[in-house]
Every structure is written in structure tokens, then in C-alpha cells.
N, C-alpha and C. Protein backbone atom coordinates (compact mmCIF):
# COMPACT_ATOMS: atom_id res chain seq x y z
N ASP A 1 30.05 122.32 62.66
CA ASP A 1 29.44 121.47 63.67
C ASP A 1 27.92 121.42 63.57
N LYS A 2 27.37 122.12 62.57
CA LYS A 2 25.92 122.14 62.41
C LYS A 2 25.42 120.75 62.04
N LEU A 3 24.31 120.36 62.62
CA LEU A 3 23.69 119.07 62.37
C LEU A 3 22.66 119.22 61.25
N PHE A 4 22.84 118.47 60.18
CA PHE A 4 21.92 118.51 59.04
C PHE A 4 21.04 117.28 59.07
N VAL A 5 19.77 117.45 58.71
CA VAL A 5 18.82 116.34 58.72
C VAL A 5 18.50 115.97 57.28
N TYR A 6 18.59 114.67 56.99
CA TYR A 6 18.23 114.14 55.68
C TYR A 6 17.43 112.87 55.90
N LYS A 7 16.16 112.91 55.54
CA LYS A 7 15.23 111.81 55.80
C LYS A 7 15.28 111.47 57.29
N GLN A 8 15.69 110.25 57.67
CA GLN A 8 15.74 109.89 59.08
C GLN A 8 17.11 110.13 59.71
N SER A 9 18.10 110.43 58.89
CA SER A 9 19.46 110.62 59.38
C SER A 9 19.69 112.08 59.78
N SER A 10 20.63 112.27 60.69
CA SER A 10 21.08 113.62 61.04
C SER A 10 22.57 113.54 61.26
N TRP A 11 23.31 114.44 60.61
CA TRP A 11 24.76 114.35 60.72
C TRP A 11 25.45 115.66 60.46
N THR A 12 26.64 115.76 61.01
CA THR A 12 27.53 116.89 60.73
C THR A 12 28.27 116.55 59.43
N PRO A 13 28.91 117.54 58.81
CA PRO A 13 29.71 117.23 57.62
C PRO A 13 30.78 116.16 57.89
N LEU A 14 31.41 116.19 59.06
CA LEU A 14 32.42 115.19 59.39
C LEU A 14 31.81 113.80 59.48
N LEU A 15 30.68 113.68 60.12
CA LEU A 15 30.00 112.39 60.23
C LEU A 15 29.60 111.87 58.85
N ALA A 16 29.11 112.74 57.98
CA ALA A 16 28.73 112.34 56.62
C ALA A 16 29.96 111.87 55.84
N ALA A 17 31.07 112.57 55.97
CA ALA A 17 32.30 112.16 55.27
C ALA A 17 32.77 110.79 55.74
N CYS A 18 32.65 110.53 57.03
CA CYS A 18 33.03 109.21 57.56
C CYS A 18 32.09 108.13 57.04
N PHE A 19 30.80 108.41 57.04
CA PHE A 19 29.81 107.43 56.58
C PHE A 19 30.03 107.06 55.11
N HIS A 20 30.34 108.06 54.30
CA HIS A 20 30.52 107.84 52.86
C HIS A 20 31.97 107.53 52.47
N LYS A 21 32.83 107.33 53.48
CA LYS A 21 34.21 106.87 53.29
C LYS A 21 35.08 107.85 52.49
N HIS A 22 34.89 109.16 52.71
CA HIS A 22 35.67 110.18 52.00
C HIS A 22 36.85 110.61 52.87
N GLU A 23 37.93 109.86 52.78
CA GLU A 23 39.11 110.11 53.61
C GLU A 23 39.69 111.51 53.40
N ALA A 24 39.78 111.96 52.17
CA ALA A 24 40.34 113.29 51.88
C ALA A 24 39.50 114.39 52.51
N VAL A 25 38.19 114.23 52.50
CA VAL A 25 37.30 115.23 53.10
C VAL A 25 37.46 115.23 54.62
N VAL A 26 37.60 114.06 55.21
CA VAL A 26 37.82 113.96 56.66
C VAL A 26 39.10 114.70 57.03
N ARG A 27 40.19 114.44 56.29
CA ARG A 27 41.46 115.13 56.55
C ARG A 27 41.31 116.64 56.44
N MET A 28 40.64 117.09 55.39
CA MET A 28 40.45 118.53 55.16
C MET A 28 39.63 119.16 56.28
N LEU A 29 38.54 118.53 56.66
CA LEU A 29 37.69 119.09 57.72
C LEU A 29 38.46 119.20 59.04
N ILE A 30 39.22 118.17 59.38
CA ILE A 30 39.97 118.19 60.64
C ILE A 30 41.07 119.23 60.61
N SER A 31 41.78 119.34 59.50
CA SER A 31 42.92 120.26 59.46
C SER A 31 42.51 121.72 59.27
N ARG A 32 41.45 121.98 58.52
CA ARG A 32 41.09 123.36 58.21
C ARG A 32 40.01 123.95 59.12
N PHE A 33 39.08 123.13 59.58
CA PHE A 33 37.92 123.67 60.28
C PHE A 33 37.81 123.28 61.75
N LYS A 34 38.60 122.33 62.20
CA LYS A 34 38.61 121.92 63.61
C LYS A 34 37.19 121.64 64.13
N PRO A 35 36.48 120.69 63.51
CA PRO A 35 35.11 120.39 63.96
C PRO A 35 35.12 119.65 65.30
N ASP A 36 33.95 119.59 65.92
CA ASP A 36 33.79 118.79 67.13
C ASP A 36 33.92 117.33 66.71
N ILE A 37 35.01 116.72 67.05
CA ILE A 37 35.35 115.37 66.59
C ILE A 37 34.43 114.31 67.21
N ASN A 38 33.77 114.64 68.30
CA ASN A 38 32.90 113.69 68.99
C ASN A 38 31.43 114.05 68.88
N ALA A 39 31.08 114.93 67.94
CA ALA A 39 29.68 115.31 67.74
C ALA A 39 28.88 114.08 67.32
N ILE A 40 27.67 113.98 67.81
CA ILE A 40 26.88 112.78 67.53
C ILE A 40 25.75 113.07 66.55
N GLY A 41 25.31 112.01 65.90
CA GLY A 41 24.22 112.10 64.94
C GLY A 41 23.49 110.77 64.85
N THR A 42 22.69 110.64 63.82
CA THR A 42 21.91 109.42 63.58
C THR A 42 22.15 108.98 62.14
N ILE A 43 22.45 107.70 61.97
CA ILE A 43 22.68 107.17 60.63
C ILE A 43 21.77 106.00 60.35
N ASN A 44 21.52 105.75 59.09
CA ASN A 44 20.74 104.61 58.64
C ASN A 44 21.73 103.62 58.06
N LEU A 45 22.04 102.57 58.81
CA LEU A 45 23.11 101.64 58.49
C LEU A 45 22.56 100.31 57.98
N ARG A 46 23.19 99.80 56.92
CA ARG A 46 22.79 98.49 56.39
C ARG A 46 23.38 97.39 57.27
N THR A 47 22.55 96.45 57.70
CA THR A 47 22.99 95.36 58.58
C THR A 47 23.51 94.19 57.75
N LEU A 48 24.05 93.19 58.43
CA LEU A 48 24.52 91.99 57.75
C LEU A 48 23.40 91.24 57.05
N GLU A 49 22.18 91.40 57.55
CA GLU A 49 21.01 90.75 56.93
C GLU A 49 20.47 91.57 55.77
N ASN A 50 21.20 92.61 55.37
CA ASN A 50 20.84 93.49 54.26
C ASN A 50 19.57 94.31 54.53
N ARG A 51 19.34 94.61 55.79
CA ARG A 51 18.25 95.49 56.18
C ARG A 51 18.86 96.81 56.65
N PHE A 52 18.06 97.85 56.68
CA PHE A 52 18.53 99.13 57.19
C PHE A 52 18.07 99.31 58.62
N GLU A 53 18.98 99.80 59.44
CA GLU A 53 18.69 100.02 60.85
C GLU A 53 19.11 101.43 61.22
N LEU A 54 18.24 102.16 61.87
CA LEU A 54 18.54 103.51 62.33
C LEU A 54 19.36 103.41 63.61
N VAL A 55 20.54 104.00 63.63
CA VAL A 55 21.43 103.94 64.78
C VAL A 55 21.59 105.36 65.33
N ASP A 56 21.19 105.58 66.58
CA ASP A 56 21.19 106.90 67.21
C ASP A 56 22.48 107.17 67.97
N GLU A 57 22.78 108.45 68.10
CA GLU A 57 23.88 108.95 68.94
C GLU A 57 25.23 108.37 68.56
N VAL A 58 25.52 108.30 67.26
CA VAL A 58 26.81 107.79 66.80
C VAL A 58 27.79 108.93 66.57
N SER A 59 29.05 108.65 66.81
CA SER A 59 30.12 109.62 66.58
C SER A 59 30.76 109.33 65.22
N PRO A 60 31.55 110.26 64.71
CA PRO A 60 32.28 109.98 63.47
C PRO A 60 33.18 108.75 63.60
N LEU A 61 33.82 108.57 64.76
CA LEU A 61 34.68 107.41 64.97
C LEU A 61 33.89 106.11 64.90
N TRP A 62 32.77 106.05 65.58
CA TRP A 62 31.94 104.85 65.56
C TRP A 62 31.47 104.56 64.14
N THR A 63 31.09 105.61 63.42
CA THR A 63 30.61 105.46 62.05
C THR A 63 31.70 104.92 61.14
N ALA A 64 32.91 105.48 61.24
CA ALA A 64 34.02 105.00 60.41
C ALA A 64 34.32 103.53 60.69
N ALA A 65 34.24 103.13 61.94
CA ALA A 65 34.47 101.73 62.30
C ALA A 65 33.34 100.85 61.76
N ALA A 66 32.11 101.34 61.81
CA ALA A 66 30.96 100.56 61.35
C ALA A 66 30.97 100.32 59.84
N VAL A 67 31.55 101.26 59.08
CA VAL A 67 31.61 101.09 57.62
C VAL A 67 32.96 100.53 57.17
N ASN A 68 33.73 100.00 58.14
CA ASN A 68 35.01 99.34 57.86
C ASN A 68 36.03 100.23 57.16
N ARG A 69 36.25 101.42 57.69
CA ARG A 69 37.22 102.33 57.09
C ARG A 69 38.31 102.63 58.12
N LEU A 70 39.24 101.68 58.28
CA LEU A 70 40.31 101.80 59.27
C LEU A 70 41.17 103.04 59.05
N SER A 71 41.39 103.43 57.81
CA SER A 71 42.21 104.61 57.55
C SER A 71 41.58 105.87 58.15
N ILE A 72 40.27 105.97 58.10
CA ILE A 72 39.58 107.13 58.70
C ILE A 72 39.59 107.02 60.22
N VAL A 73 39.44 105.82 60.75
CA VAL A 73 39.53 105.61 62.20
C VAL A 73 40.87 106.13 62.71
N LYS A 74 41.95 105.76 62.01
CA LYS A 74 43.29 106.20 62.40
C LYS A 74 43.41 107.73 62.37
N ILE A 75 42.87 108.36 61.35
CA ILE A 75 42.91 109.83 61.26
C ILE A 75 42.19 110.46 62.43
N LEU A 76 41.00 109.96 62.74
CA LEU A 76 40.19 110.53 63.82
C LEU A 76 40.87 110.38 65.17
N VAL A 77 41.54 109.26 65.38
CA VAL A 77 42.20 109.03 66.67
C VAL A 77 43.52 109.79 66.75
N GLU A 78 44.34 109.69 65.71
CA GLU A 78 45.67 110.29 65.75
C GLU A 78 45.66 111.81 65.59
N HIS A 79 44.87 112.31 64.66
CA HIS A 79 44.89 113.75 64.38
C HIS A 79 43.74 114.51 65.04
N GLY A 80 42.65 113.81 65.25
CA GLY A 80 41.49 114.47 65.83
C GLY A 80 41.30 114.21 67.31
N HIS A 81 42.06 113.26 67.86
CA HIS A 81 41.96 112.88 69.27
C HIS A 81 40.54 112.48 69.64
N ALA A 82 39.93 111.65 68.79
CA ALA A 82 38.57 111.17 69.04
C ALA A 82 38.52 110.32 70.30
N ASN A 83 37.41 110.38 70.99
CA ASN A 83 37.19 109.62 72.20
C ASN A 83 36.82 108.18 71.84
N VAL A 84 37.75 107.25 72.04
CA VAL A 84 37.51 105.85 71.68
C VAL A 84 36.54 105.16 72.64
N ASN A 85 36.26 105.76 73.78
CA ASN A 85 35.35 105.18 74.76
C ASN A 85 33.94 105.78 74.73
N GLN A 86 33.67 106.64 73.77
CA GLN A 86 32.36 107.28 73.68
C GLN A 86 31.30 106.22 73.34
N LEU A 87 30.24 106.18 74.13
CA LEU A 87 29.18 105.21 73.94
C LEU A 87 28.08 105.76 73.04
N ILE A 88 27.49 104.87 72.24
CA ILE A 88 26.29 105.25 71.50
C ILE A 88 25.09 104.86 72.35
N LYS A 89 23.90 105.06 71.82
CA LYS A 89 22.69 104.82 72.59
C LYS A 89 22.58 103.38 73.09
N THR A 90 23.08 102.42 72.34
CA THR A 90 23.00 101.01 72.73
C THR A 90 24.22 100.58 73.55
N HIS A 91 25.02 101.53 74.00
CA HIS A 91 26.20 101.30 74.83
C HIS A 91 27.31 100.57 74.10
N SER A 92 27.43 100.81 72.82
CA SER A 92 28.50 100.25 72.00
C SER A 92 29.57 101.31 71.81
N THR A 93 30.83 100.88 71.71
CA THR A 93 31.93 101.81 71.41
C THR A 93 32.51 101.45 70.05
N ALA A 94 33.31 102.36 69.53
CA ALA A 94 33.95 102.10 68.23
C ALA A 94 34.86 100.91 68.34
């Protein structure tokens, strides 16, 4: 559950695995280490206009949805019991 900082981003290993679309790592982290499934961090996300935007207070579930990885979203909800109503700083949900 430790938060790691890299440049402007800050994330837990679970959040990083979701951002980089590593489904096997997400499964392993949830099954072996029982991380805080709703831990928040900050990611640098590419927008539709091909610009980067810093997004604060995102959860692994929100991140997986933002990078279009439905398989990871399903894992987080079904096996991790992620909070689908958790708001980010801009009041957006997954």
C-alpha cells in the first residue's frame, strides 16, 4: 500500500499495474498481498487531444476504466470489491 512518487505521479503498485494494463500483476497483487483496493494516487493521463493531464486522487478502478481495460475493472470489482462510487478530485467516478 506504499505510495511511490515518480516525476509528477504518485501510485501504489496496484495503481501502477492498472495504469500500465498488467492484468496478471493486478490478479497477483489482489490474491497474494490484499492491497487497499481503493487507495488513491495521482496519474499523468493522455487526453483525447493528445495532451497530458495530471489527475489527482484516482483509484485503481478509476484508472483501469480511464485506460479502457474492462478486464481489470471486472477483477477489481468482482475479486477486490472496489468501491464503484468513489469520487476523484473532480467528482468523477469510474
